[in-house]
Amino acid sequence: MDQTEETREAFEKRIVEMFRVLGGPMSEGETKFLRGVQAFIDFAIRNGLSFHATMVYLSHDWNELARYGFDFETPLKKGFWPRVYDFSEKSGNAVGEPEPEQSAR
């Protein structure tokens, strides 16, 4: 067995172990939250938000979820609502469209 095979085998073992420890697929709410995070990051980049402002929003949600061991449902039951939870469902009218980029030429 060459080094490449050993590396691939080790990687596959780590993946199997990760799924054993971390469990199966995400819930619908978890998926919606991550889509909201993705949409918010895209919005921040497109519209020139500062890194600081972007991270403040994301860390608000991250910190609350971490407090409950990333059990997504418990903080929601206690009244927490992630800032970016439904961001992926916002339209351009709700969040604004980016200005057309000017050519640097």
PDB file of N, CA and C in Angstrom:
ATOM      1  N   MET A   1       0.857  -1.179   0.000  1.00  0.00           N
ATOM      2  CA  MET A   1       0.000   0.000   0.000  1.00  0.00           C
ATOM      3  C   MET A   1       0.899   1.237   0.000  1.00  0.00           C
ATOM      4  N   ASP A   2       0.644   2.163  -0.931  1.00  0.00           N
ATOM      5  CA  ASP A   2       1.467   3.372  -0.999  1.00  0.00           C
ATOM      6  C   ASP A   2       0.918   4.451  -0.045  1.00  0.00           C
ATOM      7  N   GLN A   3       1.668   5.554   0.053  1.00  0.00           N
ATOM      8  CA  GLN A   3       1.303   6.626   0.988  1.00  0.00           C
ATOM      9  C   GLN A   3      -0.054   7.247   0.643  1.00  0.00           C
ATOM     10  N   THR A   4      -0.358   7.372  -0.651  1.00  0.00           N
ATOM     11  CA  THR A   4      -1.636   7.943  -1.073  1.00  0.00           C
ATOM     12  C   THR A   4      -2.793   7.095  -0.582  1.00  0.00           C
ATOM     13  N   GLU A   5      -2.689   5.791  -0.712  1.00  0.00           N
ATOM     14  CA  GLU A   5      -3.725   4.885  -0.234  1.00  0.00           C
ATOM     15  C   GLU A   5      -3.891   4.994   1.275  1.00  0.00           C
ATOM     16  N   GLU A   6      -2.775   5.050   1.988  1.00  0.00           N
ATOM     17  CA  GLU A   6      -2.849   5.177   3.446  1.00  0.00           C
ATOM     18  C   GLU A   6      -3.529   6.481   3.838  1.00  0.00           C
ATOM     19  N   THR A   7      -3.226   7.564   3.149  1.00  0.00           N
ATOM     20  CA  THR A   7      -3.828   8.852   3.441  1.00  0.00           C
ATOM     21  C   THR A   7      -5.323   8.810   3.171  1.00  0.00           C
ATOM     22  N   ARG A   8      -5.720   8.252   2.049  1.00  0.00           N
ATOM     23  CA  ARG A   8      -7.131   8.137   1.702  1.00  0.00           C
ATOM     24  C   ARG A   8      -7.868   7.261   2.712  1.00  0.00           C
ATOM     25  N   GLU A   9      -7.249   6.195   3.100  1.00  0.00           N
ATOM     26  CA  GLU A   9      -7.857   5.295   4.078  1.00  0.00           C
ATOM     27  C   GLU A   9      -8.038   6.000   5.420  1.00  0.00           C
ATOM     28  N   ALA A  10      -7.026   6.737   5.843  1.00  0.00           N
ATOM     29  CA  ALA A  10      -7.117   7.482   7.102  1.00  0.00           C
ATOM     30  C   ALA A  10      -8.224   8.531   7.029  1.00  0.00           C
ATOM     31  N   PHE A  11      -8.326   9.219   5.886  1.00  0.00           N
ATOM     32  CA  PHE A  11      -9.364  10.224   5.690  1.00  0.00           C
ATOM     33  C   PHE A  11     -10.746   9.581   5.780  1.00  0.00           C
ATOM     34  N   GLU A  12     -10.927   8.462   5.109  1.00  0.00           N
ATOM     35  CA  GLU A  12     -12.215   7.769   5.132  1.00  0.00           C
ATOM     36  C   GLU A  12     -12.583   7.332   6.542  1.00  0.00           C
ATOM     37  N   LYS A  13     -11.605   6.877   7.319  1.00  0.00           N
ATOM     38  CA  LYS A  13     -11.862   6.483   8.710  1.00  0.00           C
ATOM     39  C   LYS A  13     -12.305   7.685   9.532  1.00  0.00           C
ATOM     40  N   ARG A  14     -11.666   8.850   9.302  1.00  0.00           N
ATOM     41  CA  ARG A  14     -12.048  10.067  10.039  1.00  0.00           C
ATOM     42  C   ARG A  14     -13.476  10.479   9.700  1.00  0.00           C
ATOM     43  N   ILE A  15     -13.848  10.368   8.424  1.00  0.00           N
ATOM     44  CA  ILE A  15     -15.204  10.732   8.006  1.00  0.00           C
ATOM     45  C   ILE A  15     -16.226   9.804   8.661  1.00  0.00           C
ATOM     46  N   VAL A  16     -15.969   8.521   8.652  1.00  0.00           N
ATOM     47  CA  VAL A  16     -16.868   7.554   9.279  1.00  0.00           C
ATOM     48  C   VAL A  16     -17.007   7.865  10.768  1.00  0.00           C
ATOM     49  N   GLU A  17     -15.901   8.157  11.428  1.00  0.00           N
ATOM     50  CA  GLU A  17     -15.931   8.485  12.856  1.00  0.00           C
ATOM     51  C   GLU A  17     -16.705   9.775  13.101  1.00  0.00           C
ATOM     52  N   MET A  18     -16.513  10.771  12.242  1.00  0.00           N
ATOM     53  CA  MET A  18     -17.226  12.033  12.400  1.00  0.00           C
ATOM     54  C   MET A  18     -18.736  11.803  12.333  1.00  0.00           C
ATOM     55  N   PHE A  19     -19.202  11.029  11.369  1.00  0.00           N
ATOM     56  CA  PHE A  19     -20.630  10.762  11.267  1.00  0.00           C
ATOM     57  C   PHE A  19     -21.142   9.941  12.447  1.00  0.00           C
ATOM     58  N   ARG A  20     -20.310   9.049  12.960  1.00  0.00           N
ATOM     59  CA  ARG A  20     -20.721   8.252  14.117  1.00  0.00           C
ATOM     60  C   ARG A  20     -20.920   9.150  15.324  1.00  0.00           C
ATOM     61  N   VAL A  21     -20.011  10.083  15.537  1.00  0.00           N
ATOM     62  CA  VAL A  21     -20.056  10.955  16.711  1.00  0.00           C
ATOM     63  C   VAL A  21     -21.081  12.076  16.547  1.00  0.00           C
ATOM     64  N   LEU A  22     -21.111  12.700  15.382  1.00  0.00           N
ATOM     65  CA  LEU A  22     -21.922  13.902  15.196  1.00  0.00           C
ATOM     66  C   LEU A  22     -23.325  13.637  14.678  1.00  0.00           C
ATOM     67  N   GLY A  23     -23.607  12.438  14.282  1.00  0.00           N
ATOM     68  CA  GLY A  23     -24.971  12.094  13.904  1.00  0.00           C
ATOM     69  C   GLY A  23     -25.302  12.328  12.451  1.00  0.00           C
ATOM     70  N   GLY A  24     -26.583  12.197  12.194  1.00  0.00           N
ATOM     71  CA  GLY A  24     -27.075  12.201  10.827  1.00  0.00           C
ATOM     72  C   GLY A  24     -27.341  13.567  10.249  1.00  0.00           C
ATOM     73  N   PRO A  25     -28.315  13.642   9.366  1.00  0.00           N
ATOM     74  CA  PRO A  25     -28.571  14.881   8.627  1.00  0.00           C
ATOM     75  C   PRO A  25     -29.096  16.001   9.525  1.00  0.00           C
ATOM     76  N   MET A  26     -28.969  17.216   9.024  1.00  0.00           N
ATOM     77  CA  MET A  26     -29.454  18.380   9.756  1.00  0.00           C
ATOM     78  C   MET A  26     -30.976  18.427   9.707  1.00  0.00           C
ATOM     79  N   SER A  27     -31.537  19.078  10.711  1.00  0.00           N
ATOM     80  CA  SER A  27     -32.979  19.289  10.723  1.00  0.00           C
ATOM     81  C   SER A  27     -33.328  20.387   9.714  1.00  0.00           C
ATOM     82  N   GLU A  28     -34.593  20.532   9.429  1.00  0.00           N
ATOM     83  CA  GLU A  28     -35.055  21.581   8.512  1.00  0.00           C
ATOM     84  C   GLU A  28     -34.679  22.971   9.048  1.00  0.00           C
ATOM     85  N   GLY A  29     -34.825  23.173  10.362  1.00  0.00           N
ATOM     86  CA  GLY A  29     -34.470  24.455  10.972  1.00  0.00           C
ATOM     87  C   GLY A  29     -32.982  24.742  10.892  1.00  0.00           C
ATOM     88  N   GLU A  30     -32.163  23.730  11.135  1.00  0.00           N
ATOM     89  CA  GLU A  30     -30.708  23.907  11.044  1.00  0.00           C
ATOM     90  C   GLU A  30     -30.284  24.256   9.619  1.00  0.00           C
ATOM     91  N   THR A  31     -30.899  23.579   8.653  1.00  0.00           N
ATOM     92  CA  THR A  31     -30.592  23.859   7.251  1.00  0.00           C
ATOM     93  C   THR A  31     -31.010  25.280   6.899  1.00  0.00           C
ATOM     94  N   LYS A  32     -32.191  25.688   7.342  1.00  0.00           N
ATOM     95  CA  LYS A  32     -32.675  27.045   7.071  1.00  0.00           C
ATOM     96  C   LYS A  32     -31.744  28.079   7.698  1.00  0.00           C
ATOM     97  N   PHE A  33     -31.283  27.814   8.912  1.00  0.00           N
ATOM     98  CA  PHE A  33     -30.357  28.728   9.583  1.00  0.00           C
ATOM     99  C   PHE A  33     -29.066  28.872   8.779  1.00  0.00           C
ATOM    100  N   LEU A  34     -28.474  27.752   8.347  1.00  0.00           N
ATOM    101  CA  LEU A  34     -27.224  27.815   7.587  1.00  0.00           C
ATOM    102  C   LEU A  34     -27.423  28.492   6.233  1.00  0.00           C
ATOM    103  N   ARG A  35     -28.578  28.313   5.623  1.00  0.00           N
ATOM    104  CA  ARG A  35     -28.863  29.039   4.379  1.00  0.00           C
ATOM    105  C   ARG A  35     -28.962  30.542   4.657  1.00  0.00           C
ATOM    106  N   GLY A  36     -29.504  30.895   5.813  1.00  0.00           N
ATOM    107  CA  GLY A  36     -29.563  32.302   6.211  1.00  0.00           C
ATOM    108  C   GLY A  36     -28.178  32.876   6.435  1.00  0.00           C
ATOM    109  N   VAL A  37     -27.301  32.105   7.084  1.00  0.00           N
ATOM    110  CA  VAL A  37     -25.912  32.532   7.281  1.00  0.00           C
ATOM    111  C   VAL A  37     -25.248  32.757   5.928  1.00  0.00           C
ATOM    112  N   GLN A  38     -25.423  31.816   5.038  1.00  0.00           N
ATOM    113  CA  GLN A  38     -24.834  31.913   3.703  1.00  0.00           C
ATOM    114  C   GLN A  38     -25.345  33.156   2.967  1.00  0.00           C
ATOM    115  N   ALA A  39     -26.662  33.390   3.015  1.00  0.00           N
ATOM    116  CA  ALA A  39     -27.248  34.546   2.336  1.00  0.00           C
ATOM    117  C   ALA A  39     -26.758  35.848   2.955  1.00  0.00           C
ATOM    118  N   PHE A  40     -26.635  35.871   4.292  1.00  0.00           N
ATOM    119  CA  PHE A  40     -26.167  37.086   4.951  1.00  0.00           C
ATOM    120  C   PHE A  40     -24.719  37.393   4.571  1.00  0.00           C
ATOM    121  N   ILE A  41     -23.878  36.379   4.539  1.00  0.00           N
ATOM    122  CA  ILE A  41     -22.477  36.592   4.148  1.00  0.00           C
ATOM    123  C   ILE A  41     -22.413  37.096   2.708  1.00  0.00           C
ATOM    124  N   ASP A  42     -23.187  36.497   1.816  1.00  0.00           N
ATOM    125  CA  ASP A  42     -23.227  36.969   0.427  1.00  0.00           C
ATOM    126  C   ASP A  42     -23.673  38.431   0.368  1.00  0.00           C
ATOM    127  N   PHE A  43     -24.725  38.763   1.123  1.00  0.00           N
ATOM    128  CA  PHE A  43     -25.224  40.139   1.165  1.00  0.00           C
ATOM    129  C   PHE A  43     -24.140  41.091   1.677  1.00  0.00           C
ATOM    130  N   ALA A  44     -23.456  40.699   2.751  1.00  0.00           N
ATOM    131  CA  ALA A  44     -22.419  41.551   3.341  1.00  0.00           C
ATOM    132  C   ALA A  44     -21.292  41.817   2.349  1.00  0.00           C
ATOM    133  N   ILE A  45     -20.887  40.795   1.628  1.00  0.00           N
ATOM    134  CA  ILE A  45     -19.804  40.949   0.650  1.00  0.00           C
ATOM    135  C   ILE A  45     -20.262  41.826  -0.518  1.00  0.00           C
ATOM    136  N   ARG A  46     -21.439  41.540  -1.053  1.00  0.00           N
ATOM    137  CA  ARG A  46     -21.952  42.295  -2.196  1.00  0.00           C
ATOM    138  C   ARG A  46     -22.138  43.771  -1.883  1.00  0.00           C
ATOM    139  N   ASN A  47     -22.551  44.062  -0.663  1.00  0.00           N
ATOM    140  CA  ASN A  47     -22.911  45.429  -0.304  1.00  0.00           C
ATOM    141  C   ASN A  47     -21.854  46.146   0.518  1.00  0.00           C
ATOM    142  N   GLY A  48     -20.694  45.551   0.658  1.00  0.00           N
ATOM    143  CA  GLY A  48     -19.575  46.231   1.294  1.00  0.00           C
ATOM    144  C   GLY A  48     -19.707  46.458   2.786  1.00  0.00           C
ATOM    145  N   LEU A  49     -20.435  45.582   3.487  1.00  0.00           N
ATOM    146  CA  LEU A  49     -20.465  45.706   4.946  1.00  0.00           C
ATOM    147  C   LEU A  49     -19.071  45.446   5.501  1.00  0.00           C
ATOM    148  N   SER A  50     -18.785  46.030   6.625  1.00  0.00           N
ATOM    149  CA  SER A  50     -17.470  45.794   7.228  1.00  0.00           C
ATOM    150  C   SER A  50     -17.404  44.372   7.789  1.00  0.00           C
ATOM    151  N   PHE A  51     -16.197  43.873   7.910  1.00  0.00           N
ATOM    152  CA  PHE A  51     -15.984  42.565   8.517  1.00  0.00           C
ATOM    153  C   PHE A  51     -16.522  42.587   9.944  1.00  0.00           C
ATOM    154  N   HIS A  52     -16.256  43.674  10.646  1.00  0.00           N
ATOM    155  CA  HIS A  52     -16.707  43.804  12.038  1.00  0.00           C
ATOM    156  C   HIS A  52     -18.232  43.692  12.145  1.00  0.00           C
ATOM    157  N   ALA A  53     -18.954  44.448  11.318  1.00  0.00           N
ATOM    158  CA  ALA A  53     -20.417  44.407  11.366  1.00  0.00           C
ATOM    159  C   ALA A  53     -20.937  43.015  11.024  1.00  0.00           C
ATOM    160  N   THR A  54     -20.336  42.402  10.025  1.00  0.00           N
ATOM    161  CA  THR A  54     -20.748  41.061   9.616  1.00  0.00           C
ATOM    162  C   THR A  54     -20.543  40.065  10.758  1.00  0.00           C
ATOM    163  N   MET A  55     -19.395  40.130  11.390  1.00  0.00           N
ATOM    164  CA  MET A  55     -19.095  39.190  12.468  1.00  0.00           C
ATOM    165  C   MET A  55     -19.948  39.438  13.707  1.00  0.00           C
ATOM    166  N   VAL A  56     -20.310  40.687  13.971  1.00  0.00           N
ATOM    167  CA  VAL A  56     -21.187  40.979  15.110  1.00  0.00           C
ATOM    168  C   VAL A  56     -22.518  40.260  14.933  1.00  0.00           C
ATOM    169  N   TYR A  57     -23.083  40.358  13.734  1.00  0.00           N
ATOM    170  CA  TYR A  57     -24.347  39.665  13.464  1.00  0.00           C
ATOM    171  C   TYR A  57     -24.190  38.158  13.611  1.00  0.00           C
ATOM    172  N   LEU A  58     -23.162  37.610  12.976  1.00  0.00           N
ATOM    173  CA  LEU A  58     -22.982  36.161  13.006  1.00  0.00           C
ATOM    174  C   LEU A  58     -22.652  35.659  14.403  1.00  0.00           C
ATOM    175  N   SER A  59     -21.820  36.398  15.136  1.00  0.00           N
ATOM    176  CA  SER A  59     -21.424  35.930  16.469  1.00  0.00           C
ATOM    177  C   SER A  59     -22.591  35.981  17.449  1.00  0.00           C
ATOM    178  N   HIS A  60     -23.531  36.901  17.238  1.00  0.00           N
ATOM    179  CA  HIS A  60     -24.733  36.936  18.082  1.00  0.00           C
ATOM    180  C   HIS A  60     -25.427  35.573  18.033  1.00  0.00           C
ATOM    181  N   ASP A  61     -25.617  35.071  16.827  1.00  0.00           N
ATOM    182  CA  ASP A  61     -26.290  33.781  16.661  1.00  0.00           C
ATOM    183  C   ASP A  61     -25.401  32.628  17.112  1.00  0.00           C
ATOM    184  N   TRP A  62     -24.148  32.662  16.701  1.00  0.00           N
ATOM    185  CA  TRP A  62     -23.199  31.606  17.030  1.00  0.00           C
ATOM    186  C   TRP A  62     -23.086  31.423  18.551  1.00  0.00           C
ATOM    187  N   ASN A  63     -22.914  32.531  19.274  1.00  0.00           N
ATOM    188  CA  ASN A  63     -22.726  32.457  20.725  1.00  0.00           C
ATOM    189  C   ASN A  63     -23.941  31.873  21.433  1.00  0.00           C
ATOM    190  N   GLU A  64     -25.124  32.251  20.995  1.00  0.00           N
ATOM    191  CA  GLU A  64     -26.325  31.717  21.634  1.00  0.00           C
ATOM    192  C   GLU A  64     -26.477  30.222  21.360  1.00  0.00           C
ATOM    193  N   LEU A  65     -26.192  29.810  20.134  1.00  0.00           N
ATOM    194  CA  LEU A  65     -26.280  28.379  19.817  1.00  0.00           C
ATOM    195  C   LEU A  65     -25.205  27.593  20.568  1.00  0.00           C
ATOM    196  N   ALA A  66     -24.017  28.157  20.687  1.00  0.00           N
ATOM    197  CA  ALA A  66     -22.931  27.484  21.419  1.00  0.00           C
ATOM    198  C   ALA A  66     -23.293  27.309  22.888  1.00  0.00           C
ATOM    199  N   ARG A  67     -24.002  28.268  23.447  1.00  0.00           N
ATOM    200  CA  ARG A  67     -24.414  28.193  24.865  1.00  0.00           C
ATOM    201  C   ARG A  67     -25.227  26.932  25.138  1.00  0.00           C
ATOM    202  N   TYR A  68     -25.943  26.451  24.122  1.00  0.00           N
ATOM    203  CA  TYR A  68     -26.768  25.253  24.271  1.00  0.00           C
ATOM    204  C   TYR A  68     -26.174  24.056  23.542  1.00  0.00           C
ATOM    205  N   GLY A  69     -24.867  24.074  23.357  1.00  0.00           N
ATOM    206  CA  GLY A  69     -24.190  22.940  22.738  1.00  0.00           C
ATOM    207  C   GLY A  69     -24.607  22.707  21.297  1.00  0.00           C
ATOM    208  N   PHE A  70     -24.997  23.773  20.617  1.00  0.00           N
ATOM    209  CA  PHE A  70     -25.454  23.725  19.228  1.00  0.00           C
ATOM    210  C   PHE A  70     -26.691  22.848  19.050  1.00  0.00           C
ATOM    211  N   ASP A  71     -27.457  22.714  20.135  1.00  0.00           N
ATOM    212  CA  ASP A  71     -28.796  22.114  20.057  1.00  0.00           C
ATOM    213  C   ASP A  71     -29.691  23.231  19.534  1.00  0.00           C
ATOM    214  N   PHE A  72     -30.077  23.162  18.290  1.00  0.00           N
ATOM    215  CA  PHE A  72     -30.749  24.276  17.624  1.00  0.00           C
ATOM    216  C   PHE A  72     -32.124  24.579  18.212  1.00  0.00           C
ATOM    217  N   GLU A  73     -32.864  23.586  18.594  1.00  0.00           N
ATOM    218  CA  GLU A  73     -34.248  23.784  19.029  1.00  0.00           C
ATOM    219  C   GLU A  73     -34.378  24.409  20.419  1.00  0.00           C
ATOM    220  N   THR A  74     -33.492  24.091  21.350  1.00  0.00           N
ATOM    221  CA  THR A  74     -33.628  24.582  22.730  1.00  0.00           C
ATOM    222  C   THR A  74     -33.626  26.097  22.831  1.00  0.00           C
ATOM    223  N   PRO A  75     -32.665  26.813  22.236  1.00  0.00           N
ATOM    224  CA  PRO A  75     -32.726  28.271  22.346  1.00  0.00           C
ATOM    225  C   PRO A  75     -33.977  28.873  21.697  1.00  0.00           C
ATOM    226  N   LEU A  76     -34.472  28.255  20.622  1.00  0.00           N
ATOM    227  CA  LEU A  76     -35.694  28.760  19.994  1.00  0.00           C
ATOM    228  C   LEU A  76     -36.872  28.632  20.951  1.00  0.00           C
ATOM    229  N   LYS A  77     -36.929  27.519  21.659  1.00  0.00           N
ATOM    230  CA  LYS A  77     -38.011  27.303  22.630  1.00  0.00           C
ATOM    231  C   LYS A  77     -37.936  28.304  23.783  1.00  0.00           C
ATOM    232  N   LYS A  78     -36.729  28.800  24.062  1.00  0.00           N
ATOM    233  CA  LYS A  78     -36.538  29.767  25.150  1.00  0.00           C
ATOM    234  C   LYS A  78     -36.684  31.211  24.673  1.00  0.00           C
ATOM    235  N   GLY A  79     -37.075  31.398  23.398  1.00  0.00           N
ATOM    236  CA  GLY A  79     -37.354  32.732  22.891  1.00  0.00           C
ATOM    237  C   GLY A  79     -36.263  33.361  22.041  1.00  0.00           C
ATOM    238  N   PHE A  80     -35.169  32.663  21.834  1.00  0.00           N
ATOM    239  CA  PHE A  80     -34.096  33.198  21.000  1.00  0.00           C
ATOM    240  C   PHE A  80     -34.489  33.099  19.527  1.00  0.00           C
ATOM    241  N   TRP A  81     -34.237  34.169  18.779  1.00  0.00           N
ATOM    242  CA  TRP A  81     -34.465  34.126  17.344  1.00  0.00           C
ATOM    243  C   TRP A  81     -33.197  34.589  16.647  1.00  0.00           C
ATOM    244  N   PRO A  82     -32.526  33.708  15.884  1.00  0.00           N
ATOM    245  CA  PRO A  82     -31.280  34.085  15.210  1.00  0.00           C
ATOM    246  C   PRO A  82     -31.497  35.265  14.259  1.00  0.00           C
ATOM    247  N   ARG A  83     -30.563  36.191  14.263  1.00  0.00           N
ATOM    248  CA  ARG A  83     -30.663  37.376  13.403  1.00  0.00           C
ATOM    249  C   ARG A  83     -30.663  37.026  11.926  1.00  0.00           C
ATOM    250  N   VAL A  84     -29.973  35.968  11.555  1.00  0.00           N
ATOM    251  CA  VAL A  84     -29.862  35.635  10.130  1.00  0.00           C
ATOM    252  C   VAL A  84     -30.749  34.454   9.742  1.00  0.00           C
ATOM    253  N   TYR A  85     -31.631  34.015  10.613  1.00  0.00           N
ATOM    254  CA  TYR A  85     -32.386  32.778  10.408  1.00  0.00           C
ATOM    255  C   TYR A  85     -33.122  32.741   9.075  1.00  0.00           C
ATOM    256  N   ASP A  86     -33.881  33.770   8.752  1.00  0.00           N
ATOM    257  CA  ASP A  86     -34.654  33.738   7.509  1.00  0.00           C
ATOM    258  C   ASP A  86     -34.109  34.700   6.465  1.00  0.00           C
ATOM    259  N   PHE A  87     -32.850  35.041   6.589  1.00  0.00           N
ATOM    260  CA  PHE A  87     -32.240  35.998   5.670  1.00  0.00           C
ATOM    261  C   PHE A  87     -32.264  35.499   4.236  1.00  0.00           C
ATOM    262  N   SER A  88     -32.187  34.201   4.031  1.00  0.00           N
ATOM    263  CA  SER A  88     -32.175  33.658   2.673  1.00  0.00           C
ATOM    264  C   SER A  88     -33.525  33.832   1.991  1.00  0.00           C
ATOM    265  N   GLU A  89     -34.559  34.153   2.744  1.00  0.00           N
ATOM    266  CA  GLU A  89     -35.888  34.324   2.174  1.00  0.00           C
ATOM    267  C   GLU A  89     -36.192  35.780   1.847  1.00  0.00           C
ATOM    268  N   LYS A  90     -35.275  36.678   2.149  1.00  0.00           N
ATOM    269  CA  LYS A  90     -35.472  38.099   1.859  1.00  0.00           C
ATOM    270  C   LYS A  90     -35.287  38.342   0.366  1.00  0.00           C
ATOM    271  N   SER A  91     -36.032  39.274  -0.155  1.00  0.00           N
ATOM    272  CA  SER A  91     -35.888  39.624  -1.565  1.00  0.00           C
ATOM    273  C   SER A  91     -34.970  40.825  -1.694  1.00  0.00           C
ATOM    274  N   GLY A  92     -34.595  41.140  -2.909  1.00  0.00           N
ATOM    275  CA  GLY A  92     -33.783  42.319  -3.164  1.00  0.00           C
ATOM    276  C   GLY A  92     -34.476  43.582  -2.686  1.00  0.00           C
ATOM    277  N   ASN A  93     -35.812  43.606  -2.732  1.00  0.00           N
ATOM    278  CA  ASN A  93     -36.548  44.778  -2.257  1.00  0.00           C
ATOM    279  C   ASN A  93     -36.391  44.961  -0.756  1.00  0.00           C
ATOM    280  N   ALA A  94     -36.263  43.861  -0.029  1.00  0.00           N
ATOM    281  CA  ALA A  94     -36.142  43.941   1.422  1.00  0.00           C
ATOM    282  C   ALA A  94     -34.731  44.296   1.867  1.00  0.00           C
ATOM    283  N   VAL A  95     -33.738  43.841   1.144  1.00  0.00           N
ATOM    284  CA  VAL A  95     -32.354  44.060   1.594  1.00  0.00           C
ATOM    285  C   VAL A  95     -31.536  44.929   0.657  1.00  0.00           C
ATOM    286  N   GLY A  96     -32.083  45.281  -0.482  1.00  0.00           N
ATOM    287  CA  GLY A  96     -31.369  46.148  -1.412  1.00  0.00           C
ATOM    288  C   GLY A  96     -30.506  45.366  -2.376  1.00  0.00           C
ATOM    289  N   GLU A  97     -30.428  45.868  -3.566  1.00  0.00           N
ATOM    290  CA  GLU A  97     -29.578  45.263  -4.588  1.00  0.00           C
ATOM    291  C   GLU A  97     -28.248  45.999  -4.618  1.00  0.00           C
ATOM    292  N   PRO A  98     -27.170  45.315  -4.923  1.00  0.00           N
ATOM    293  CA  PRO A  98     -25.872  45.979  -4.982  1.00  0.00           C
ATOM    294  C   PRO A  98     -25.801  46.929  -6.173  1.00  0.00           C
ATOM    295  N   GLU A  99     -25.010  47.970  -6.023  1.00  0.00           N
ATOM    296  CA  GLU A  99     -24.774  48.890  -7.126  1.00  0.00           C
ATOM    297  C   GLU A  99     -23.957  48.156  -8.190  1.00  0.00           C
ATOM    298  N   PRO A 100     -24.171  48.491  -9.470  1.00  0.00           N
ATOM    299  CA  PRO A 100     -23.351  47.860 -10.512  1.00  0.00           C
ATOM    300  C   PRO A 100     -21.878  48.221 -10.310  1.00  0.00           C
ATOM    301  N   GLU A 101     -21.015  47.232 -10.489  1.00  0.00           N
ATOM    302  CA  GLU A 101     -19.583  47.482 -10.294  1.00  0.00           C
ATOM    303  C   GLU A 101     -19.057  48.302 -11.453  1.00  0.00           C
ATOM    304  N   GLN A 102     -18.182  49.262 -11.131  1.00  0.00           N
ATOM    305  CA  GLN A 102     -17.536  50.079 -12.150  1.00  0.00           C
ATOM    306  C   GLN A 102     -16.246  49.412 -12.569  1.00  0.00           C
ATOM    307  N   SER A 103     -15.957  49.447 -13.830  1.00  0.00           N
ATOM    308  CA  SER A 103     -14.703  48.883 -14.338  1.00  0.00           C
ATOM    309  C   SER A 103     -13.525  49.704 -13.852  1.00  0.00           C
ATOM    310  N   ALA A 104     -12.452  49.048 -13.478  1.00  0.00           N
ATOM    311  CA  ALA A 104     -11.260  49.726 -12.961  1.00  0.00           C
ATOM    312  C   ALA A 104     -10.388  50.267 -14.093  1.00  0.00           C
ATOM    313  N   ARG A 105     -10.805  50.093 -15.325  1.00  0.00           N
ATOM    314  CA  ARG A 105      -9.988  50.541 -16.476  1.00  0.00           C
ATOM    315  C   ARG A 105     -10.006  51.996 -16.650  1.00  0.00           C
TER     316      ARG A 105
END
